[in-house]
Amino acid sequence: MTTAASVDHVLVVGAGLAGLRTVAELRAAGYTGRLELIGAEVHPPYDRPPLSKELLSKPGPVWLAEDLGHDLTELADEVHLGVRAASLRSSTDGVQVTSAGGRTFSADQVVLATGSHALRPPEWTGVVTLHTLDEAEQLRSALAERGEVIVIGAGWIGAEVAGVAAGAGSRVQVLESGPVPLWRQLGEELGQRTVPWYAEAGVSLH
């Protein structure tokens, strides 16, 4: 069966955990129509938290996908990796997604599961964001030099990267715009309790 008589083809944009789960849940719900997925990265779906948690302890890429619980190639009819979506157009005939390379993908319905990305001013050089496996590899190479590292943001990822970098021998400073670390996630009272962690790890918090 399909979820609706008119929905014979679903295109999922985004090959992260959300994209993989979307495909898996559609199949689990009994959808038997055509499922196609495109993703900007060349890597199959993987778990992102270990990118910061295991930045230096587990450098290989294979383990990142160990615990996802689904095989995308078995669930989707077609998977296109290394394809970045650039535009979307909807009409009475369906939806069309055009890639940055000019390729067009058509479907009855499109699911956007592209996730979020850090905003980096184009004039900033020598700046690495941490969202993808390739960015983790770049950061890992930079940390091997054991120089000075400035982390912008004292959220969970910033704290994990700062701790890993300091443990590897880098001089680390963390810049946080809020009153205390993790104030958005935990509130100021609990966030204040994390401040000593930075000093204990040898990290300067500003």
N, C-alpha and C. Protein backbone atom coordinates (compact mmCIF):
# COMPACT_ATOMS: atom_id res chain seq x y z
N MET A 1 0.83 -1.19 0.00
CA MET A 1 0.00 0.00 0.00
C MET A 1 0.87 1.25 0.00
N THR A 2 0.31 2.38 -0.38
CA THR A 2 0.96 3.67 -0.22
C THR A 2 0.14 4.48 0.75
N THR A 3 0.72 5.59 1.25
CA THR A 3 0.01 6.39 2.24
C THR A 3 -1.19 7.10 1.64
N ALA A 4 -1.17 7.35 0.36
CA ALA A 4 -2.31 7.96 -0.34
C ALA A 4 -2.20 7.57 -1.80
N ALA A 5 -3.37 7.44 -2.46
CA ALA A 5 -3.36 6.97 -3.84
C ALA A 5 -2.55 7.88 -4.75
N SER A 6 -2.49 9.17 -4.44
CA SER A 6 -1.80 10.11 -5.31
C SER A 6 -0.33 10.27 -4.98
N VAL A 7 0.13 9.66 -3.88
CA VAL A 7 1.53 9.80 -3.48
C VAL A 7 2.26 8.51 -3.79
N ASP A 8 2.80 8.44 -4.99
CA ASP A 8 3.53 7.25 -5.42
C ASP A 8 5.03 7.40 -5.30
N HIS A 9 5.48 8.65 -5.10
CA HIS A 9 6.91 8.90 -5.09
C HIS A 9 7.22 9.98 -4.05
N VAL A 10 8.03 9.64 -3.06
CA VAL A 10 8.44 10.59 -2.02
C VAL A 10 9.94 10.82 -2.13
N LEU A 11 10.34 12.08 -2.13
CA LEU A 11 11.75 12.45 -2.16
C LEU A 11 12.12 13.05 -0.81
N VAL A 12 13.14 12.50 -0.18
CA VAL A 12 13.64 13.02 1.09
C VAL A 12 14.93 13.79 0.81
N VAL A 13 14.97 15.04 1.23
CA VAL A 13 16.15 15.88 1.03
C VAL A 13 16.89 15.97 2.35
N GLY A 14 18.08 15.39 2.40
CA GLY A 14 18.86 15.35 3.63
C GLY A 14 19.22 13.94 3.99
N ALA A 15 20.52 13.64 4.07
CA ALA A 15 20.96 12.28 4.37
C ALA A 15 21.54 12.17 5.77
N GLY A 16 21.01 12.96 6.69
CA GLY A 16 21.40 12.83 8.08
C GLY A 16 20.50 11.86 8.80
N LEU A 17 20.54 11.91 10.12
CA LEU A 17 19.73 10.99 10.92
C LEU A 17 18.24 11.22 10.68
N ALA A 18 17.83 12.49 10.51
CA ALA A 18 16.41 12.78 10.27
C ALA A 18 15.94 12.20 8.94
N GLY A 19 16.78 12.31 7.91
CA GLY A 19 16.43 11.75 6.62
C GLY A 19 16.30 10.24 6.67
N LEU A 20 17.26 9.60 7.33
CA LEU A 20 17.23 8.15 7.48
C LEU A 20 15.99 7.70 8.24
N ARG A 21 15.68 8.39 9.34
CA ARG A 21 14.52 8.02 10.14
C ARG A 21 13.21 8.23 9.37
N THR A 22 13.18 9.28 8.55
CA THR A 22 11.98 9.52 7.73
C THR A 22 11.72 8.35 6.80
N VAL A 23 12.76 7.90 6.12
CA VAL A 23 12.63 6.76 5.21
C VAL A 23 12.21 5.52 5.99
N ALA A 24 12.85 5.28 7.13
CA ALA A 24 12.54 4.09 7.92
C ALA A 24 11.11 4.11 8.44
N GLU A 25 10.64 5.27 8.90
CA GLU A 25 9.28 5.36 9.44
C GLU A 25 8.23 5.21 8.35
N LEU A 26 8.51 5.74 7.17
CA LEU A 26 7.56 5.56 6.06
C LEU A 26 7.41 4.09 5.72
N ARG A 27 8.53 3.37 5.65
CA ARG A 27 8.45 1.94 5.36
C ARG A 27 7.75 1.20 6.49
N ALA A 28 8.05 1.58 7.73
CA ALA A 28 7.43 0.90 8.87
C ALA A 28 5.93 1.13 8.90
N ALA A 29 5.48 2.28 8.38
CA ALA A 29 4.05 2.59 8.34
C ALA A 29 3.34 1.93 7.17
N GLY A 30 4.09 1.20 6.34
CA GLY A 30 3.48 0.47 5.24
C GLY A 30 3.56 1.14 3.89
N TYR A 31 4.33 2.22 3.78
CA TYR A 31 4.44 2.90 2.48
C TYR A 31 5.27 2.03 1.54
N THR A 32 4.69 1.70 0.38
CA THR A 32 5.37 0.84 -0.59
C THR A 32 5.68 1.57 -1.89
N GLY A 33 5.43 2.89 -1.91
CA GLY A 33 5.74 3.66 -3.10
C GLY A 33 7.23 3.88 -3.25
N ARG A 34 7.58 4.69 -4.22
CA ARG A 34 8.99 4.95 -4.52
C ARG A 34 9.56 5.93 -3.49
N LEU A 35 10.68 5.56 -2.89
CA LEU A 35 11.37 6.42 -1.93
C LEU A 35 12.76 6.75 -2.47
N GLU A 36 13.02 8.04 -2.58
CA GLU A 36 14.30 8.51 -3.10
C GLU A 36 14.87 9.51 -2.10
N LEU A 37 16.19 9.49 -1.93
CA LEU A 37 16.82 10.40 -0.97
C LEU A 37 18.05 11.02 -1.60
N ILE A 38 18.24 12.33 -1.35
CA ILE A 38 19.46 13.01 -1.77
C ILE A 38 20.09 13.67 -0.55
N GLY A 39 21.42 13.73 -0.55
CA GLY A 39 22.14 14.35 0.56
C GLY A 39 23.38 15.06 0.08
N ALA A 40 23.71 16.17 0.71
CA ALA A 40 24.84 16.98 0.26
C ALA A 40 26.18 16.31 0.55
N GLU A 41 26.26 15.55 1.63
CA GLU A 41 27.52 14.89 1.96
C GLU A 41 27.71 13.63 1.12
N VAL A 42 28.96 13.25 0.95
CA VAL A 42 29.26 12.02 0.20
C VAL A 42 29.17 10.80 1.11
N HIS A 43 29.02 11.01 2.40
CA HIS A 43 28.99 9.91 3.36
C HIS A 43 27.55 9.46 3.62
N PRO A 44 27.33 8.17 3.84
CA PRO A 44 26.00 7.70 4.25
C PRO A 44 25.63 8.29 5.60
N PRO A 45 24.35 8.20 6.00
CA PRO A 45 23.94 8.77 7.29
C PRO A 45 24.77 8.24 8.45
N TYR A 46 25.07 9.13 9.39
CA TYR A 46 25.84 8.75 10.57
C TYR A 46 25.38 9.59 11.76
N ASP A 47 25.77 9.16 12.94
CA ASP A 47 25.39 9.84 14.17
C ASP A 47 26.34 11.02 14.40
N ARG A 48 25.80 12.22 14.59
CA ARG A 48 26.66 13.41 14.69
C ARG A 48 27.25 13.68 16.08
N PRO A 49 26.56 13.38 17.19
CA PRO A 49 27.17 13.67 18.49
C PRO A 49 28.59 13.15 18.68
N PRO A 50 28.94 11.95 18.20
CA PRO A 50 30.32 11.50 18.38
C PRO A 50 31.37 12.35 17.65
N LEU A 51 30.94 13.19 16.71
CA LEU A 51 31.92 14.04 16.03
C LEU A 51 32.67 14.90 17.03
N SER A 52 31.99 15.35 18.07
CA SER A 52 32.66 16.14 19.11
C SER A 52 33.07 15.28 20.30
N LYS A 53 32.21 14.34 20.67
CA LYS A 53 32.50 13.52 21.85
C LYS A 53 33.73 12.63 21.65
N GLU A 54 33.90 12.11 20.45
CA GLU A 54 34.99 11.18 20.15
C GLU A 54 35.93 11.77 19.09
N LEU A 55 36.12 13.07 19.15
CA LEU A 55 36.84 13.77 18.09
C LEU A 55 38.23 13.20 17.85
N LEU A 56 38.96 12.87 18.92
CA LEU A 56 40.32 12.37 18.77
C LEU A 56 40.45 10.88 19.09
N SER A 57 39.51 10.33 19.86
CA SER A 57 39.67 8.95 20.30
C SER A 57 39.28 7.93 19.25
N LYS A 58 38.38 8.30 18.33
CA LYS A 58 37.94 7.37 17.29
C LYS A 58 37.94 8.08 15.94
N PRO A 59 39.09 8.13 15.27
CA PRO A 59 39.18 8.91 14.03
C PRO A 59 38.55 8.27 12.81
N GLY A 60 38.29 6.95 12.82
CA GLY A 60 37.76 6.31 11.63
C GLY A 60 36.30 6.61 11.40
N PRO A 61 35.82 6.61 10.14
CA PRO A 61 34.43 6.96 9.86
C PRO A 61 33.42 5.84 10.05
N VAL A 62 33.84 4.59 10.03
CA VAL A 62 32.89 3.48 10.00
C VAL A 62 32.04 3.43 11.26
N TRP A 63 32.63 3.65 12.42
CA TRP A 63 31.92 3.50 13.69
C TRP A 63 30.79 4.49 13.85
N LEU A 64 30.80 5.57 13.10
CA LEU A 64 29.77 6.59 13.25
C LEU A 64 28.38 6.06 12.91
N ALA A 65 28.31 5.07 12.04
CA ALA A 65 27.02 4.54 11.60
C ALA A 65 26.65 3.22 12.30
N GLU A 66 27.42 2.82 13.30
CA GLU A 66 27.22 1.51 13.91
C GLU A 66 25.86 1.34 14.58
N ASP A 67 25.36 2.38 15.23
CA ASP A 67 24.19 2.23 16.09
C ASP A 67 22.93 2.88 15.54
N LEU A 68 22.87 3.17 14.26
CA LEU A 68 21.70 3.85 13.71
C LEU A 68 20.51 2.91 13.56
N GLY A 69 20.77 1.62 13.40
CA GLY A 69 19.69 0.65 13.40
C GLY A 69 18.96 0.46 12.09
N HIS A 70 19.36 1.17 11.04
CA HIS A 70 18.68 1.05 9.75
C HIS A 70 19.72 1.05 8.62
N ASP A 71 19.42 0.32 7.57
CA ASP A 71 20.26 0.32 6.37
C ASP A 71 19.52 1.10 5.29
N LEU A 72 20.01 2.29 4.99
CA LEU A 72 19.33 3.17 4.04
C LEU A 72 19.19 2.53 2.67
N THR A 73 20.21 1.82 2.23
CA THR A 73 20.18 1.24 0.89
C THR A 73 19.12 0.15 0.76
N GLU A 74 18.73 -0.46 1.88
CA GLU A 74 17.68 -1.48 1.84
C GLU A 74 16.29 -0.86 1.88
N LEU A 75 16.18 0.34 2.42
CA LEU A 75 14.88 0.97 2.61
C LEU A 75 14.48 1.88 1.45
N ALA A 76 15.45 2.59 0.88
CA ALA A 76 15.16 3.54 -0.19
C ALA A 76 15.41 2.90 -1.55
N ASP A 77 14.63 3.33 -2.53
CA ASP A 77 14.82 2.80 -3.89
C ASP A 77 16.06 3.40 -4.55
N GLU A 78 16.31 4.67 -4.27
CA GLU A 78 17.50 5.32 -4.81
C GLU A 78 18.08 6.27 -3.77
N VAL A 79 19.41 6.28 -3.67
CA VAL A 79 20.11 7.18 -2.75
C VAL A 79 21.17 7.92 -3.55
N HIS A 80 21.14 9.25 -3.47
CA HIS A 80 22.09 10.08 -4.20
C HIS A 80 22.88 10.91 -3.18
N LEU A 81 24.13 10.56 -2.97
CA LEU A 81 24.98 11.29 -2.04
C LEU A 81 25.88 12.25 -2.78
N GLY A 82 26.32 13.29 -2.10
CA GLY A 82 27.14 14.32 -2.74
C GLY A 82 26.33 15.22 -3.64
N VAL A 83 25.02 15.30 -3.40
CA VAL A 83 24.11 16.12 -4.21
C VAL A 83 23.47 17.17 -3.30
N ARG A 84 23.81 18.42 -3.51
CA ARG A 84 23.29 19.50 -2.67
C ARG A 84 22.06 20.13 -3.31
N ALA A 85 20.95 20.13 -2.60
CA ALA A 85 19.72 20.75 -3.11
C ALA A 85 19.87 22.27 -3.11
N ALA A 86 19.44 22.90 -4.20
CA ALA A 86 19.59 24.35 -4.33
C ALA A 86 18.26 25.08 -4.40
N SER A 87 17.23 24.44 -4.96
CA SER A 87 15.93 25.11 -5.08
C SER A 87 14.81 24.09 -5.10
N LEU A 88 13.61 24.57 -4.78
CA LEU A 88 12.42 23.72 -4.75
C LEU A 88 11.27 24.46 -5.41
N ARG A 89 10.55 23.74 -6.26
CA ARG A 89 9.40 24.34 -6.94
C ARG A 89 8.22 23.38 -6.87
N SER A 90 7.08 23.91 -6.44
CA SER A 90 5.87 23.09 -6.30
C SER A 90 4.84 23.51 -7.34
N SER A 91 4.14 22.52 -7.89
CA SER A 91 3.08 22.78 -8.87
C SER A 91 1.99 21.73 -8.69
N THR A 92 0.97 21.81 -9.52
CA THR A 92 -0.12 20.82 -9.44
C THR A 92 0.35 19.44 -9.86
N ASP A 93 1.48 19.37 -10.56
CA ASP A 93 2.01 18.08 -11.01
C ASP A 93 2.93 17.43 -9.98
N GLY A 94 3.24 18.14 -8.91
CA GLY A 94 4.15 17.59 -7.91
C GLY A 94 5.18 18.62 -7.49
N VAL A 95 6.31 18.12 -7.05
CA VAL A 95 7.38 18.99 -6.55
C VAL A 95 8.67 18.66 -7.28
N GLN A 96 9.42 19.70 -7.61
CA GLN A 96 10.72 19.53 -8.25
C GLN A 96 11.81 20.15 -7.39
N VAL A 97 12.87 19.40 -7.18
CA VAL A 97 14.04 19.89 -6.46
C VAL A 97 15.21 19.91 -7.44
N THR A 98 15.88 21.04 -7.51
CA THR A 98 17.03 21.18 -8.41
C THR A 98 18.30 21.25 -7.58
N SER A 99 19.30 20.48 -7.98
CA SER A 99 20.56 20.45 -7.24
C SER A 99 21.45 21.60 -7.66
N ALA A 100 22.52 21.81 -6.88
CA ALA A 100 23.48 22.86 -7.21
C ALA A 100 24.16 22.59 -8.54
N GLY A 101 24.20 21.33 -8.95
CA GLY A 101 24.80 20.97 -10.22
C GLY A 101 23.83 21.01 -11.39
N GLY A 102 22.57 21.38 -11.13
CA GLY A 102 21.59 21.51 -12.20
C GLY A 102 20.72 20.29 -12.44
N ARG A 103 20.90 19.25 -11.65
CA ARG A 103 20.08 18.05 -11.82
C ARG A 103 18.72 18.25 -11.17
N THR A 104 17.67 17.73 -11.81
CA THR A 104 16.31 17.90 -11.31
C THR A 104 15.75 16.58 -10.81
N PHE A 105 15.13 16.63 -9.64
CA PHE A 105 14.48 15.46 -9.04
C PHE A 105 13.00 15.80 -8.86
N SER A 106 12.13 14.95 -9.37
CA SER A 106 10.69 15.18 -9.30
C SER A 106 10.03 14.12 -8.41
N ALA A 107 9.02 14.54 -7.66
CA ALA A 107 8.30 13.61 -6.78
C ALA A 107 6.91 14.16 -6.49
N ASP A 108 6.06 13.29 -5.95
CA ASP A 108 4.73 13.74 -5.54
C ASP A 108 4.80 14.56 -4.26
N GLN A 109 5.67 14.14 -3.35
CA GLN A 109 5.85 14.85 -2.08
C GLN A 109 7.35 14.91 -1.76
N VAL A 110 7.75 16.00 -1.10
CA VAL A 110 9.14 16.17 -0.69
C VAL A 110 9.19 16.39 0.82
N VAL A 111 10.11 15.71 1.47
CA VAL A 111 10.36 15.91 2.90
C VAL A 111 11.71 16.60 3.05
N LEU A 112 11.73 17.77 3.67
CA LEU A 112 12.98 18.50 3.91
C LEU A 112 13.54 18.09 5.27
N ALA A 113 14.70 17.45 5.25
CA ALA A 113 15.35 16.99 6.48
C ALA A 113 16.82 17.38 6.44
N THR A 114 17.05 18.65 6.12
CA THR A 114 18.42 19.11 5.89
C THR A 114 19.15 19.51 7.16
N GLY A 115 18.45 19.67 8.27
CA GLY A 115 19.12 20.02 9.52
C GLY A 115 19.54 21.47 9.56
N SER A 116 20.38 21.81 10.53
CA SER A 116 20.85 23.18 10.71
C SER A 116 22.34 23.28 10.43
N HIS A 117 22.78 24.49 10.17
CA HIS A 117 24.20 24.72 9.88
C HIS A 117 24.64 26.01 10.56
N ALA A 118 25.88 26.03 11.00
CA ALA A 118 26.42 27.24 11.63
C ALA A 118 26.64 28.32 10.56
N LEU A 119 26.36 29.56 10.93
CA LEU A 119 26.59 30.68 10.03
C LEU A 119 28.03 31.17 10.22
N ARG A 120 28.78 31.19 9.14
CA ARG A 120 30.17 31.63 9.20
C ARG A 120 30.38 32.79 8.25
N PRO A 121 30.71 33.98 8.76
CA PRO A 121 30.96 35.12 7.87
C PRO A 121 32.03 34.77 6.84
N PRO A 122 31.81 35.10 5.57
CA PRO A 122 32.76 34.71 4.52
C PRO A 122 34.15 35.29 4.70
N GLU A 123 34.26 36.42 5.40
CA GLU A 123 35.57 37.03 5.56
C GLU A 123 36.40 36.38 6.67
N TRP A 124 35.79 35.47 7.42
CA TRP A 124 36.53 34.79 8.48
C TRP A 124 37.36 33.66 7.88
N THR A 125 38.66 33.74 8.02
CA THR A 125 39.55 32.68 7.53
C THR A 125 40.09 31.91 8.73
N GLY A 126 40.48 30.69 8.49
CA GLY A 126 40.99 29.87 9.58
C GLY A 126 39.94 29.44 10.58
N VAL A 127 38.68 29.47 10.17
CA VAL A 127 37.58 29.10 11.06
C VAL A 127 37.00 27.76 10.61
N VAL A 128 36.80 26.86 11.55
CA VAL A 128 36.25 25.53 11.26
C VAL A 128 34.94 25.38 12.04
N THR A 129 33.87 25.02 11.36
CA THR A 129 32.64 24.65 12.05
C THR A 129 32.63 23.13 12.22
N LEU A 130 31.79 22.63 13.10
CA LEU A 130 31.75 21.19 13.35
C LEU A 130 30.33 20.69 13.20
N HIS A 131 30.03 20.22 12.00
CA HIS A 131 28.70 19.68 11.72
C HIS A 131 28.77 18.41 10.89
N THR A 132 29.87 18.22 10.16
CA THR A 132 29.98 17.08 9.27
C THR A 132 31.25 16.29 9.56
N LEU A 133 31.31 15.09 9.01
CA LEU A 133 32.48 14.24 9.16
C LEU A 133 33.71 14.89 8.56
N ASP A 134 33.57 15.53 7.40
CA ASP A 134 34.71 16.19 6.78
C ASP A 134 35.23 17.34 7.63
N GLU A 135 34.31 18.08 8.26
CA GLU A 135 34.73 19.17 9.15
C GLU A 135 35.45 18.62 10.38
N ALA A 136 35.00 17.48 10.87
CA ALA A 136 35.67 16.85 12.01
C ALA A 136 37.09 16.44 11.64
N GLU A 137 37.27 15.92 10.43
CA GLU A 137 38.61 15.55 9.97
C GLU A 137 39.50 16.78 9.88
N GLN A 138 38.95 17.89 9.39
CA GLN A 138 39.71 19.13 9.29
C GLN A 138 40.11 19.64 10.67
N LEU A 139 39.18 19.59 11.61
CA LEU A 139 39.47 20.04 12.96
C LEU A 139 40.47 19.12 13.64
N ARG A 140 40.37 17.84 13.39
CA ARG A 140 41.31 16.89 13.97
C ARG A 140 42.73 17.19 13.51
N SER A 141 42.90 17.51 12.25
CA SER A 141 44.22 17.85 11.72
C SER A 141 44.75 19.12 12.36
N ALA A 142 43.85 20.11 12.56
CA ALA A 142 44.27 21.37 13.17
C ALA A 142 44.70 21.17 14.62
N LEU A 143 43.99 20.32 15.35
CA LEU A 143 44.32 20.09 16.75
C LEU A 143 45.64 19.35 16.91
N ALA A 144 46.04 18.62 15.89
CA ALA A 144 47.31 17.90 15.96
C ALA A 144 48.49 18.85 16.10
N GLU A 145 48.32 20.11 15.68
CA GLU A 145 49.39 21.09 15.78
C GLU A 145 49.55 21.64 17.19
N ARG A 146 48.57 21.41 18.05
CA ARG A 146 48.61 21.81 19.46
C ARG A 146 48.90 23.30 19.63
N GLY A 147 48.27 24.11 18.84
CA GLY A 147 48.44 25.56 18.94
C GLY A 147 47.36 26.15 19.82
N GLU A 148 47.01 27.40 19.54
CA GLU A 148 45.97 28.06 20.31
C GLU A 148 44.63 27.90 19.60
N VAL A 149 43.61 27.55 20.35
CA VAL A 149 42.28 27.30 19.80
C VAL A 149 41.28 28.23 20.49
N ILE A 150 40.46 28.90 19.69
CA ILE A 150 39.37 29.71 20.22
C ILE A 150 38.06 29.07 19.79
N VAL A 151 37.24 28.73 20.76
CA VAL A 151 35.94 28.13 20.50
C VAL A 151 34.87 29.19 20.73
N ILE A 152 34.03 29.41 19.72
CA ILE A 152 32.96 30.39 19.85
C ILE A 152 31.67 29.65 20.21
N GLY A 153 31.21 29.86 21.41
CA GLY A 153 30.00 29.20 21.88
C GLY A 153 30.30 28.18 22.96
N ALA A 154 29.64 28.33 24.12
CA ALA A 154 29.84 27.40 25.23
C ALA A 154 28.62 26.50 25.41
N GLY A 155 28.08 26.03 24.28
CA GLY A 155 27.03 25.03 24.33
C GLY A 155 27.64 23.65 24.52
N TRP A 156 26.83 22.62 24.30
CA TRP A 156 27.34 21.26 24.49
C TRP A 156 28.51 20.96 23.56
N ILE A 157 28.36 21.29 22.28
CA ILE A 157 29.42 20.98 21.32
C ILE A 157 30.67 21.79 21.62
N GLY A 158 30.50 23.09 21.91
CA GLY A 158 31.65 23.92 22.23
C GLY A 158 32.40 23.40 23.44
N ALA A 159 31.66 22.98 24.46
CA ALA A 159 32.29 22.45 25.67
C ALA A 159 33.05 21.16 25.38
N GLU A 160 32.46 20.29 24.58
CA GLU A 160 33.12 19.02 24.26
C GLU A 160 34.38 19.25 23.45
N VAL A 161 34.31 20.13 22.44
CA VAL A 161 35.49 20.42 21.62
C VAL A 161 36.58 21.06 22.47
N ALA A 162 36.19 22.00 23.34
CA ALA A 162 37.17 22.67 24.19
C ALA A 162 37.89 21.67 25.09
N GLY A 163 37.13 20.75 25.68
CA GLY A 163 37.73 19.76 26.55
C GLY A 163 38.67 18.83 25.82
N VAL A 164 38.26 18.39 24.64
CA VAL A 164 39.10 17.51 23.83
C VAL A 164 40.38 18.22 23.40
N ALA A 165 40.24 19.47 22.95
CA ALA A 165 41.40 20.23 22.48
C ALA A 165 42.39 20.49 23.62
N ALA A 166 41.87 20.87 24.79
CA ALA A 166 42.75 21.10 25.93
C ALA A 166 43.44 19.82 26.36
N GLY A 167 42.71 18.72 26.33
CA GLY A 167 43.30 17.44 26.69
C GLY A 167 44.38 17.00 25.73
N ALA A 168 44.31 17.49 24.48
CA ALA A 168 45.31 17.14 23.47
C ALA A 168 46.52 18.06 23.52
N GLY A 169 46.49 19.06 24.41
CA GLY A 169 47.65 19.92 24.56
C GLY A 169 47.52 21.30 23.97
N SER A 170 46.35 21.66 23.45
CA SER A 170 46.16 22.99 22.88
C SER A 170 45.82 23.99 23.99
N ARG A 171 46.17 25.26 23.74
CA ARG A 171 45.73 26.34 24.63
C ARG A 171 44.36 26.79 24.15
N VAL A 172 43.36 26.69 25.00
CA VAL A 172 41.98 26.86 24.56
C VAL A 172 41.30 28.01 25.29
N GLN A 173 40.63 28.85 24.52
CA GLN A 173 39.76 29.88 25.06
C GLN A 173 38.35 29.67 24.49
N VAL A 174 37.35 29.86 25.32
CA VAL A 174 35.96 29.73 24.89
C VAL A 174 35.28 31.09 25.06
N LEU A 175 34.64 31.57 24.00
CA LEU A 175 33.92 32.83 24.03
C LEU A 175 32.43 32.55 24.00
N GLU A 176 31.70 33.05 24.99
CA GLU A 176 30.26 32.82 25.09
C GLU A 176 29.55 34.16 25.21
N SER A 177 28.55 34.39 24.36
CA SER A 177 27.82 35.66 24.37
C SER A 177 26.82 35.75 25.51
N GLY A 178 26.39 34.61 26.04
CA GLY A 178 25.42 34.61 27.12
C GLY A 178 26.06 34.83 28.47
N PRO A 179 25.25 34.93 29.51
CA PRO A 179 25.77 35.18 30.86
C PRO A 179 26.58 34.02 31.43
N VAL A 180 26.20 32.79 31.08
CA VAL A 180 26.89 31.59 31.56
C VAL A 180 26.80 30.54 30.46
N PRO A 181 27.64 29.50 30.51
CA PRO A 181 27.51 28.41 29.54
C PRO A 181 26.14 27.74 29.63
N LEU A 182 25.65 27.30 28.51
CA LEU A 182 24.42 26.49 28.45
C LEU A 182 23.20 27.18 29.07
N TRP A 183 23.19 28.51 29.05
CA TRP A 183 22.07 29.20 29.69
C TRP A 183 20.76 28.99 28.94
N ARG A 184 20.85 28.80 27.62
CA ARG A 184 19.62 28.53 26.87
C ARG A 184 19.07 27.14 27.18
N GLN A 185 19.96 26.18 27.29
CA GLN A 185 19.54 24.80 27.49
C GLN A 185 19.17 24.50 28.94
N LEU A 186 19.92 25.07 29.89
CA LEU A 186 19.75 24.70 31.29
C LEU A 186 19.22 25.82 32.17
N GLY A 187 19.28 27.05 31.68
CA GLY A 187 18.96 28.19 32.54
C GLY A 187 20.22 28.69 33.23
N GLU A 188 20.16 29.90 33.75
CA GLU A 188 21.37 30.52 34.31
C GLU A 188 21.86 29.82 35.57
N GLU A 189 20.95 29.36 36.41
CA GLU A 189 21.39 28.74 37.67
C GLU A 189 22.19 27.47 37.43
N LEU A 190 21.67 26.58 36.60
CA LEU A 190 22.40 25.34 36.32
C LEU A 190 23.60 25.62 35.43
N GLY A 191 23.46 26.56 34.48
CA GLY A 191 24.58 26.90 33.62
C GLY A 191 25.77 27.41 34.42
N GLN A 192 25.50 28.16 35.48
CA GLN A 192 26.58 28.68 36.33
C GLN A 192 27.39 27.54 36.95
N ARG A 193 26.73 26.44 37.23
CA ARG A 193 27.42 25.31 37.86
C ARG A 193 28.42 24.63 36.92
N THR A 194 28.32 24.90 35.62
CA THR A 194 29.27 24.29 34.68
C THR A 194 30.54 25.12 34.54
N VAL A 195 30.54 26.34 35.06
CA VAL A 195 31.71 27.21 34.89
C VAL A 195 32.99 26.57 35.43
N PRO A 196 32.98 25.95 36.62
CA PRO A 196 34.23 25.34 37.12
C PRO A 196 34.78 24.25 36.22
N TRP A 197 33.93 23.62 35.42
CA TRP A 197 34.42 22.56 34.55
C TRP A 197 35.51 23.07 33.61
N TYR A 198 35.34 24.29 33.14
CA TYR A 198 36.30 24.84 32.18
C TYR A 198 37.67 25.01 32.81
N ALA A 199 37.71 25.58 34.01
CA ALA A 199 38.99 25.76 34.69
C ALA A 199 39.64 24.42 34.99
N GLU A 200 38.83 23.45 35.40
CA GLU A 200 39.36 22.12 35.70
C GLU A 200 39.96 21.46 34.46
N ALA A 201 39.41 21.79 33.29
CA ALA A 201 39.92 21.23 32.03
C ALA A 201 41.07 22.04 31.46
N GLY A 202 41.41 23.15 32.12
CA GLY A 202 42.49 24.00 31.61
C GLY A 202 42.05 24.92 30.50
N VAL A 203 40.77 25.27 30.49
CA VAL A 203 40.20 26.11 29.44
C VAL A 203 39.85 27.48 30.02
N SER A 204 40.18 28.54 29.28
CA SER A 204 39.82 29.90 29.69
C SER A 204 38.45 30.24 29.13
N LEU A 205 37.52 30.60 30.00
CA LEU A 205 36.15 30.93 29.60
C LEU A 205 35.93 32.43 29.70
N HIS A 206 35.41 33.01 28.63
CA HIS A 206 35.14 34.45 28.59
C HIS A 206 33.67 34.67 28.21
